[in-house]
Amino acid sequence: MANVYKEQEQLWQTVAQKKIGIPRLVWEYWDQKFWLVLKDIEDIIVRNPDQEISVEESRKIGRGLGDLTIFLHSIKKGEGRVRLEDGLLYVPMEIKELVGHYLGNDVFRMNLLMLDGTDFDPKPVSVEIRNKMKKTIEEIRSFGERLKNSTKELI
């Protein structure tokens, strides 16, 4: 999991006190661009848990992690606005900070873990790394649940 953000609890309290919401379209966008891609990565990770991750599967994971990184950059830039095909939607700065810190650091960590399988001279990725990836995905899902439960959905 990402290192504890020094203002983490203060941000979560602000989200609760202000009853900060996230537009429904942003949640749908996140479902398409983040959670579904994470699910595809997770499917590879949990398949054959006692075996190394092949170079071919590592490359698929690497492409998925690239997509997640692009998504996170779309949240971090533009002062919290998310660019959709039909315009921009606002993401509150508190949410942007939490998402940028937690999801950004965890996706970066997974990219580092997968270097052996996606490098210029790729090798299968060990079972130990597979397990670390699985744990990181579980932590990301836990963060997502907390975010969903801490915010209200706006129309």
N, C-alpha and C. Protein backbone atom coordinates (compact mmCIF):
# COMPACT_ATOMS: atom_id res chain seq x y z
N MET A 1 0.84 -1.17 0.00
CA MET A 1 0.00 0.00 0.00
C MET A 1 0.89 1.24 0.00
N ALA A 2 0.34 2.31 -0.52
CA ALA A 2 1.08 3.56 -0.56
C ALA A 2 1.46 3.98 0.85
N ASN A 3 2.56 4.70 0.96
CA ASN A 3 2.94 5.25 2.25
C ASN A 3 1.81 6.13 2.78
N VAL A 4 1.69 6.18 4.07
CA VAL A 4 0.63 6.97 4.68
C VAL A 4 0.84 8.44 4.31
N TYR A 5 -0.17 9.01 3.75
CA TYR A 5 -0.17 10.41 3.38
C TYR A 5 -0.38 11.21 4.65
N LYS A 6 0.50 12.17 4.92
CA LYS A 6 0.48 12.83 6.23
C LYS A 6 -0.84 13.54 6.51
N GLU A 7 -1.56 13.95 5.49
CA GLU A 7 -2.83 14.64 5.69
C GLU A 7 -4.03 13.74 5.36
N GLN A 8 -3.78 12.45 5.32
CA GLN A 8 -4.80 11.50 4.90
C GLN A 8 -6.08 11.60 5.70
N GLU A 9 -6.00 11.46 6.99
CA GLU A 9 -7.22 11.46 7.81
C GLU A 9 -7.94 12.80 7.74
N GLN A 10 -7.17 13.87 7.65
CA GLN A 10 -7.78 15.19 7.51
C GLN A 10 -8.57 15.27 6.20
N LEU A 11 -8.02 14.72 5.13
CA LEU A 11 -8.74 14.72 3.85
C LEU A 11 -10.01 13.87 3.92
N TRP A 12 -9.90 12.68 4.55
CA TRP A 12 -11.08 11.83 4.68
C TRP A 12 -12.15 12.53 5.52
N GLN A 13 -11.73 13.22 6.59
CA GLN A 13 -12.68 13.96 7.43
C GLN A 13 -13.34 15.09 6.65
N THR A 14 -12.56 15.78 5.83
CA THR A 14 -13.11 16.86 5.01
C THR A 14 -14.14 16.31 4.03
N VAL A 15 -13.83 15.18 3.43
CA VAL A 15 -14.77 14.54 2.50
C VAL A 15 -16.08 14.24 3.22
N ALA A 16 -15.99 13.70 4.44
CA ALA A 16 -17.19 13.36 5.21
C ALA A 16 -17.93 14.62 5.66
N GLN A 17 -17.21 15.60 6.19
CA GLN A 17 -17.85 16.80 6.72
C GLN A 17 -18.53 17.62 5.63
N LYS A 18 -17.86 17.76 4.50
CA LYS A 18 -18.43 18.55 3.40
C LYS A 18 -19.43 17.75 2.56
N LYS A 19 -19.52 16.44 2.88
CA LYS A 19 -20.38 15.54 2.09
C LYS A 19 -20.05 15.68 0.60
N ILE A 20 -18.77 15.58 0.34
CA ILE A 20 -18.27 15.74 -1.03
C ILE A 20 -18.82 14.62 -1.90
N GLY A 21 -19.24 15.01 -3.07
CA GLY A 21 -19.78 14.05 -4.02
C GLY A 21 -18.97 13.99 -5.29
N ILE A 22 -19.18 12.92 -6.00
CA ILE A 22 -18.52 12.71 -7.29
C ILE A 22 -19.62 12.47 -8.32
N PRO A 23 -19.58 13.19 -9.44
CA PRO A 23 -20.62 13.01 -10.47
C PRO A 23 -20.71 11.56 -10.94
N ARG A 24 -21.91 11.10 -11.17
CA ARG A 24 -22.16 9.73 -11.63
C ARG A 24 -21.35 9.42 -12.89
N LEU A 25 -21.24 10.38 -13.79
CA LEU A 25 -20.48 10.15 -15.01
C LEU A 25 -19.00 9.90 -14.72
N VAL A 26 -18.48 10.54 -13.67
CA VAL A 26 -17.08 10.29 -13.30
C VAL A 26 -16.94 8.86 -12.79
N TRP A 27 -17.90 8.41 -11.94
CA TRP A 27 -17.86 7.01 -11.47
C TRP A 27 -17.92 6.05 -12.65
N GLU A 28 -18.78 6.33 -13.63
CA GLU A 28 -18.88 5.46 -14.80
C GLU A 28 -17.57 5.46 -15.58
N TYR A 29 -16.98 6.63 -15.72
CA TYR A 29 -15.69 6.75 -16.40
C TYR A 29 -14.62 5.94 -15.65
N TRP A 30 -14.61 6.08 -14.31
CA TRP A 30 -13.65 5.31 -13.52
C TRP A 30 -13.89 3.82 -13.68
N ASP A 31 -15.16 3.41 -13.71
CA ASP A 31 -15.45 1.98 -13.91
C ASP A 31 -14.86 1.49 -15.22
N GLN A 32 -15.01 2.26 -16.28
CA GLN A 32 -14.53 1.85 -17.60
C GLN A 32 -13.02 1.93 -17.71
N LYS A 33 -12.45 3.02 -17.23
CA LYS A 33 -11.03 3.29 -17.47
C LYS A 33 -10.10 2.81 -16.38
N PHE A 34 -10.63 2.51 -15.21
CA PHE A 34 -9.75 2.07 -14.12
C PHE A 34 -10.14 0.69 -13.62
N TRP A 35 -11.35 0.56 -13.08
CA TRP A 35 -11.72 -0.69 -12.39
C TRP A 35 -11.80 -1.88 -13.33
N LEU A 36 -12.29 -1.70 -14.56
CA LEU A 36 -12.34 -2.83 -15.49
C LEU A 36 -10.93 -3.25 -15.92
N VAL A 37 -10.05 -2.28 -16.12
CA VAL A 37 -8.66 -2.60 -16.48
C VAL A 37 -7.98 -3.31 -15.31
N LEU A 38 -8.22 -2.80 -14.09
CA LEU A 38 -7.65 -3.46 -12.91
C LEU A 38 -8.16 -4.90 -12.80
N LYS A 39 -9.41 -5.12 -13.12
CA LYS A 39 -9.99 -6.47 -13.07
C LYS A 39 -9.29 -7.38 -14.08
N ASP A 40 -9.00 -6.86 -15.27
CA ASP A 40 -8.28 -7.66 -16.27
C ASP A 40 -6.89 -8.05 -15.76
N ILE A 41 -6.22 -7.11 -15.11
CA ILE A 41 -4.90 -7.39 -14.53
C ILE A 41 -5.04 -8.44 -13.43
N GLU A 42 -6.03 -8.25 -12.59
CA GLU A 42 -6.26 -9.18 -11.48
C GLU A 42 -6.54 -10.60 -11.98
N ASP A 43 -7.31 -10.70 -13.06
CA ASP A 43 -7.61 -12.02 -13.63
C ASP A 43 -6.33 -12.76 -14.01
N ILE A 44 -5.37 -12.05 -14.55
CA ILE A 44 -4.09 -12.68 -14.90
C ILE A 44 -3.32 -13.06 -13.64
N ILE A 45 -3.33 -12.16 -12.66
CA ILE A 45 -2.57 -12.38 -11.42
C ILE A 45 -3.08 -13.61 -10.66
N VAL A 46 -4.39 -13.78 -10.58
CA VAL A 46 -4.94 -14.88 -9.77
C VAL A 46 -4.97 -16.21 -10.52
N ARG A 47 -4.81 -16.17 -11.83
CA ARG A 47 -4.75 -17.40 -12.62
C ARG A 47 -3.41 -18.08 -12.35
N ASN A 48 -3.43 -19.37 -12.12
CA ASN A 48 -2.21 -20.16 -11.86
C ASN A 48 -1.34 -19.53 -10.77
N PRO A 49 -1.88 -19.39 -9.56
CA PRO A 49 -1.19 -18.65 -8.49
C PRO A 49 0.16 -19.22 -8.07
N ASP A 50 0.43 -20.48 -8.38
CA ASP A 50 1.69 -21.10 -7.96
C ASP A 50 2.73 -21.12 -9.07
N GLN A 51 2.46 -20.39 -10.15
CA GLN A 51 3.39 -20.37 -11.28
C GLN A 51 3.88 -18.95 -11.53
N GLU A 52 5.04 -18.85 -12.19
CA GLU A 52 5.53 -17.55 -12.61
C GLU A 52 4.56 -16.94 -13.62
N ILE A 53 4.61 -15.63 -13.75
CA ILE A 53 3.81 -14.95 -14.77
C ILE A 53 4.65 -14.93 -16.04
N SER A 54 4.10 -15.46 -17.11
CA SER A 54 4.85 -15.54 -18.36
C SER A 54 5.14 -14.14 -18.91
N VAL A 55 6.10 -14.07 -19.81
CA VAL A 55 6.45 -12.80 -20.44
C VAL A 55 5.24 -12.24 -21.19
N GLU A 56 4.50 -13.11 -21.88
CA GLU A 56 3.32 -12.67 -22.63
C GLU A 56 2.27 -12.06 -21.69
N GLU A 57 2.00 -12.74 -20.58
CA GLU A 57 1.05 -12.21 -19.61
C GLU A 57 1.58 -10.93 -18.96
N SER A 58 2.88 -10.88 -18.70
CA SER A 58 3.49 -9.68 -18.13
C SER A 58 3.30 -8.48 -19.04
N ARG A 59 3.43 -8.71 -20.33
CA ARG A 59 3.22 -7.61 -21.28
C ARG A 59 1.77 -7.13 -21.26
N LYS A 60 0.83 -8.05 -21.14
CA LYS A 60 -0.58 -7.66 -21.03
C LYS A 60 -0.79 -6.82 -19.77
N ILE A 61 -0.20 -7.26 -18.67
CA ILE A 61 -0.30 -6.51 -17.42
C ILE A 61 0.34 -5.13 -17.61
N GLY A 62 1.50 -5.08 -18.25
CA GLY A 62 2.18 -3.82 -18.49
C GLY A 62 1.33 -2.84 -19.30
N ARG A 63 0.64 -3.35 -20.33
CA ARG A 63 -0.26 -2.49 -21.12
C ARG A 63 -1.40 -1.98 -20.25
N GLY A 64 -1.94 -2.86 -19.42
CA GLY A 64 -3.02 -2.45 -18.52
C GLY A 64 -2.56 -1.39 -17.53
N LEU A 65 -1.36 -1.58 -16.98
CA LEU A 65 -0.81 -0.60 -16.04
C LEU A 65 -0.58 0.74 -16.74
N GLY A 66 -0.19 0.68 -18.00
CA GLY A 66 -0.05 1.91 -18.79
C GLY A 66 -1.38 2.64 -18.91
N ASP A 67 -2.45 1.88 -19.16
CA ASP A 67 -3.79 2.48 -19.24
C ASP A 67 -4.20 3.10 -17.91
N LEU A 68 -3.89 2.42 -16.80
CA LEU A 68 -4.22 2.95 -15.48
C LEU A 68 -3.44 4.24 -15.21
N THR A 69 -2.18 4.27 -15.63
CA THR A 69 -1.36 5.46 -15.44
C THR A 69 -1.93 6.64 -16.23
N ILE A 70 -2.34 6.40 -17.45
CA ILE A 70 -2.96 7.46 -18.27
C ILE A 70 -4.22 7.97 -17.59
N PHE A 71 -5.03 7.06 -17.08
CA PHE A 71 -6.25 7.47 -16.37
C PHE A 71 -5.91 8.37 -15.19
N LEU A 72 -4.92 7.95 -14.38
CA LEU A 72 -4.56 8.73 -13.20
C LEU A 72 -4.03 10.10 -13.58
N HIS A 73 -3.30 10.19 -14.67
CA HIS A 73 -2.82 11.50 -15.13
C HIS A 73 -3.99 12.38 -15.54
N SER A 74 -5.05 11.78 -16.07
CA SER A 74 -6.21 12.58 -16.46
C SER A 74 -6.90 13.19 -15.24
N ILE A 75 -6.76 12.55 -14.09
CA ILE A 75 -7.34 13.08 -12.85
C ILE A 75 -6.39 14.12 -12.25
N LYS A 76 -5.09 13.85 -12.26
CA LYS A 76 -4.14 14.71 -11.58
C LYS A 76 -3.95 16.05 -12.29
N LYS A 77 -4.00 16.07 -13.60
CA LYS A 77 -3.81 17.34 -14.30
C LYS A 77 -5.14 18.06 -14.42
N GLY A 78 -5.10 19.28 -14.82
CA GLY A 78 -6.32 20.03 -15.09
C GLY A 78 -7.12 20.40 -13.86
N GLU A 79 -6.45 20.56 -12.72
CA GLU A 79 -7.11 21.00 -11.50
C GLU A 79 -8.32 20.15 -11.14
N GLY A 80 -8.20 18.86 -11.31
CA GLY A 80 -9.25 17.96 -10.87
C GLY A 80 -10.34 17.70 -11.89
N ARG A 81 -10.17 18.21 -13.08
CA ARG A 81 -11.19 17.95 -14.10
C ARG A 81 -10.82 16.67 -14.82
N VAL A 82 -11.84 15.90 -15.16
CA VAL A 82 -11.63 14.67 -15.91
C VAL A 82 -12.16 14.91 -17.32
N ARG A 83 -11.32 14.68 -18.30
CA ARG A 83 -11.75 14.89 -19.68
C ARG A 83 -12.46 13.64 -20.18
N LEU A 84 -13.71 13.82 -20.53
CA LEU A 84 -14.49 12.76 -21.15
C LEU A 84 -14.64 13.08 -22.63
N GLU A 85 -15.16 12.14 -23.38
CA GLU A 85 -15.33 12.38 -24.81
C GLU A 85 -16.22 13.60 -25.08
N ASP A 86 -17.18 13.85 -24.20
CA ASP A 86 -18.13 14.94 -24.45
C ASP A 86 -17.92 16.14 -23.52
N GLY A 87 -16.72 16.30 -22.96
CA GLY A 87 -16.46 17.48 -22.14
C GLY A 87 -15.65 17.17 -20.90
N LEU A 88 -15.63 18.11 -19.97
CA LEU A 88 -14.89 17.99 -18.73
C LEU A 88 -15.84 17.85 -17.56
N LEU A 89 -15.47 17.03 -16.60
CA LEU A 89 -16.22 16.93 -15.35
C LEU A 89 -15.28 17.25 -14.20
N TYR A 90 -15.81 17.87 -13.18
CA TYR A 90 -15.02 18.31 -12.04
C TYR A 90 -14.89 17.18 -11.02
N VAL A 91 -13.67 17.00 -10.53
CA VAL A 91 -13.41 16.09 -9.42
C VAL A 91 -12.89 16.97 -8.28
N PRO A 92 -13.55 16.96 -7.12
CA PRO A 92 -13.10 17.81 -6.01
C PRO A 92 -11.62 17.57 -5.67
N MET A 93 -10.96 18.65 -5.28
CA MET A 93 -9.52 18.58 -5.02
C MET A 93 -9.16 17.56 -3.94
N GLU A 94 -10.02 17.40 -2.92
CA GLU A 94 -9.73 16.42 -1.87
C GLU A 94 -9.70 15.00 -2.45
N ILE A 95 -10.62 14.73 -3.36
CA ILE A 95 -10.66 13.41 -4.01
C ILE A 95 -9.45 13.25 -4.92
N LYS A 96 -9.14 14.30 -5.64
CA LYS A 96 -7.98 14.27 -6.53
C LYS A 96 -6.71 13.95 -5.74
N GLU A 97 -6.54 14.57 -4.58
CA GLU A 97 -5.35 14.32 -3.76
C GLU A 97 -5.30 12.87 -3.28
N LEU A 98 -6.43 12.38 -2.77
CA LEU A 98 -6.48 11.00 -2.28
C LEU A 98 -6.21 10.01 -3.40
N VAL A 99 -6.90 10.20 -4.52
CA VAL A 99 -6.74 9.29 -5.66
C VAL A 99 -5.32 9.37 -6.20
N GLY A 100 -4.82 10.59 -6.37
CA GLY A 100 -3.47 10.76 -6.89
C GLY A 100 -2.43 10.10 -6.01
N HIS A 101 -2.59 10.25 -4.69
CA HIS A 101 -1.60 9.67 -3.78
C HIS A 101 -1.72 8.15 -3.73
N TYR A 102 -2.89 7.66 -3.38
CA TYR A 102 -3.03 6.21 -3.16
C TYR A 102 -2.98 5.41 -4.44
N LEU A 103 -3.86 5.72 -5.36
CA LEU A 103 -3.88 4.93 -6.59
C LEU A 103 -2.62 5.17 -7.40
N GLY A 104 -2.16 6.42 -7.44
CA GLY A 104 -0.94 6.72 -8.20
C GLY A 104 0.26 5.95 -7.67
N ASN A 105 0.45 5.96 -6.36
CA ASN A 105 1.58 5.24 -5.78
C ASN A 105 1.45 3.73 -5.95
N ASP A 106 0.24 3.21 -5.79
CA ASP A 106 0.07 1.76 -5.92
C ASP A 106 0.25 1.29 -7.36
N VAL A 107 -0.23 2.05 -8.32
CA VAL A 107 -0.02 1.68 -9.73
C VAL A 107 1.47 1.80 -10.08
N PHE A 108 2.13 2.83 -9.58
CA PHE A 108 3.57 2.97 -9.80
C PHE A 108 4.31 1.77 -9.21
N ARG A 109 3.91 1.37 -8.01
CA ARG A 109 4.53 0.20 -7.36
C ARG A 109 4.36 -1.05 -8.22
N MET A 110 3.15 -1.25 -8.76
CA MET A 110 2.93 -2.43 -9.60
C MET A 110 3.78 -2.36 -10.87
N ASN A 111 3.95 -1.17 -11.44
CA ASN A 111 4.83 -1.03 -12.60
C ASN A 111 6.25 -1.46 -12.26
N LEU A 112 6.73 -1.04 -11.09
CA LEU A 112 8.07 -1.44 -10.67
C LEU A 112 8.17 -2.95 -10.46
N LEU A 113 7.15 -3.53 -9.85
CA LEU A 113 7.15 -4.97 -9.61
C LEU A 113 7.21 -5.76 -10.92
N MET A 114 6.59 -5.23 -11.96
CA MET A 114 6.49 -5.96 -13.22
C MET A 114 7.67 -5.71 -14.17
N LEU A 115 8.69 -4.98 -13.74
CA LEU A 115 9.79 -4.63 -14.64
C LEU A 115 10.45 -5.85 -15.27
N ASP A 116 10.66 -6.91 -14.52
CA ASP A 116 11.32 -8.09 -15.10
C ASP A 116 10.57 -8.63 -16.31
N GLY A 117 9.25 -8.58 -16.27
CA GLY A 117 8.47 -9.14 -17.36
C GLY A 117 8.21 -8.20 -18.51
N THR A 118 8.52 -6.91 -18.32
CA THR A 118 8.21 -5.95 -19.37
C THR A 118 9.44 -5.19 -19.85
N ASP A 119 10.60 -5.51 -19.30
CA ASP A 119 11.84 -4.83 -19.64
C ASP A 119 12.27 -5.19 -21.06
N PHE A 120 13.39 -4.61 -21.51
CA PHE A 120 13.90 -4.89 -22.84
C PHE A 120 14.33 -6.34 -23.01
N ASP A 121 14.75 -6.96 -21.93
CA ASP A 121 15.12 -8.37 -21.92
C ASP A 121 14.20 -9.07 -20.93
N PRO A 122 12.93 -9.27 -21.32
CA PRO A 122 11.94 -9.76 -20.35
C PRO A 122 12.18 -11.18 -19.88
N LYS A 123 11.81 -11.41 -18.63
CA LYS A 123 11.88 -12.73 -18.01
C LYS A 123 10.55 -13.00 -17.32
N PRO A 124 10.21 -14.26 -17.10
CA PRO A 124 8.99 -14.53 -16.33
C PRO A 124 9.08 -13.88 -14.95
N VAL A 125 7.92 -13.48 -14.44
CA VAL A 125 7.86 -12.80 -13.14
C VAL A 125 7.56 -13.83 -12.06
N SER A 126 8.27 -13.75 -10.96
CA SER A 126 8.21 -14.77 -9.91
C SER A 126 6.85 -14.84 -9.22
N VAL A 127 6.63 -15.96 -8.56
CA VAL A 127 5.42 -16.16 -7.76
C VAL A 127 5.37 -15.14 -6.63
N GLU A 128 6.53 -14.81 -6.07
CA GLU A 128 6.60 -13.81 -5.00
C GLU A 128 6.05 -12.46 -5.48
N ILE A 129 6.45 -12.06 -6.68
CA ILE A 129 5.96 -10.79 -7.25
C ILE A 129 4.46 -10.91 -7.54
N ARG A 130 4.04 -12.06 -8.05
CA ARG A 130 2.61 -12.30 -8.29
C ARG A 130 1.83 -12.05 -7.00
N ASN A 131 2.32 -12.56 -5.89
CA ASN A 131 1.63 -12.39 -4.61
C ASN A 131 1.62 -10.93 -4.15
N LYS A 132 2.73 -10.22 -4.39
CA LYS A 132 2.78 -8.80 -4.05
C LYS A 132 1.80 -8.01 -4.90
N MET A 133 1.68 -8.38 -6.17
CA MET A 133 0.73 -7.72 -7.07
C MET A 133 -0.70 -7.95 -6.57
N LYS A 134 -0.98 -9.19 -6.18
CA LYS A 134 -2.32 -9.52 -5.68
C LYS A 134 -2.65 -8.69 -4.43
N LYS A 135 -1.70 -8.60 -3.53
CA LYS A 135 -1.90 -7.81 -2.30
C LYS A 135 -2.14 -6.33 -2.63
N THR A 136 -1.37 -5.80 -3.56
CA THR A 136 -1.54 -4.39 -3.95
C THR A 136 -2.91 -4.16 -4.57
N ILE A 137 -3.38 -5.09 -5.39
CA ILE A 137 -4.71 -4.97 -5.99
C ILE A 137 -5.78 -4.99 -4.90
N GLU A 138 -5.61 -5.85 -3.91
CA GLU A 138 -6.56 -5.89 -2.79
C GLU A 138 -6.59 -4.56 -2.05
N GLU A 139 -5.42 -3.95 -1.86
CA GLU A 139 -5.35 -2.65 -1.19
C GLU A 139 -6.01 -1.56 -2.03
N ILE A 140 -5.83 -1.62 -3.34
CA ILE A 140 -6.48 -0.66 -4.23
C ILE A 140 -7.99 -0.81 -4.13
N ARG A 141 -8.47 -2.04 -4.14
CA ARG A 141 -9.92 -2.27 -4.03
C ARG A 141 -10.45 -1.75 -2.69
N SER A 142 -9.69 -1.95 -1.62
CA SER A 142 -10.09 -1.45 -0.31
C SER A 142 -10.20 0.07 -0.32
N PHE A 143 -9.22 0.73 -0.93
CA PHE A 143 -9.28 2.19 -1.06
C PHE A 143 -10.52 2.60 -1.86
N GLY A 144 -10.77 1.90 -2.96
CA GLY A 144 -11.93 2.22 -3.79
C GLY A 144 -13.24 2.10 -3.04
N GLU A 145 -13.35 1.06 -2.22
CA GLU A 145 -14.55 0.89 -1.40
C GLU A 145 -14.70 2.03 -0.40
N ARG A 146 -13.60 2.39 0.22
CA ARG A 146 -13.66 3.49 1.19
C ARG A 146 -14.06 4.79 0.48
N LEU A 147 -13.51 5.02 -0.68
CA LEU A 147 -13.85 6.22 -1.44
C LEU A 147 -15.33 6.22 -1.82
N LYS A 148 -15.79 5.11 -2.30
CA LYS A 148 -17.20 5.00 -2.71
C LYS A 148 -18.13 5.21 -1.50
N ASN A 149 -17.77 4.63 -0.36
CA ASN A 149 -18.60 4.76 0.84
C ASN A 149 -18.50 6.13 1.48
N SER A 150 -17.42 6.86 1.21
CA SER A 150 -17.20 8.15 1.86
C SER A 150 -17.77 9.32 1.05
N THR A 151 -18.13 9.07 -0.17
CA THR A 151 -18.64 10.15 -1.03
C THR A 151 -20.07 9.85 -1.43
N LYS A 152 -20.75 10.88 -1.85
CA LYS A 152 -22.08 10.64 -2.39
C LYS A 152 -22.00 10.77 -3.90
N GLU A 153 -22.90 10.09 -4.56
CA GLU A 153 -22.93 10.13 -6.01
C GLU A 153 -23.81 11.28 -6.45
N LEU A 154 -23.26 12.13 -7.29
CA LEU A 154 -24.02 13.26 -7.81
C LEU A 154 -24.55 12.90 -9.19
N ILE A 155 -25.68 13.43 -9.51
CA ILE A 155 -26.27 13.17 -10.83
C ILE A 155 -25.60 13.99 -11.89
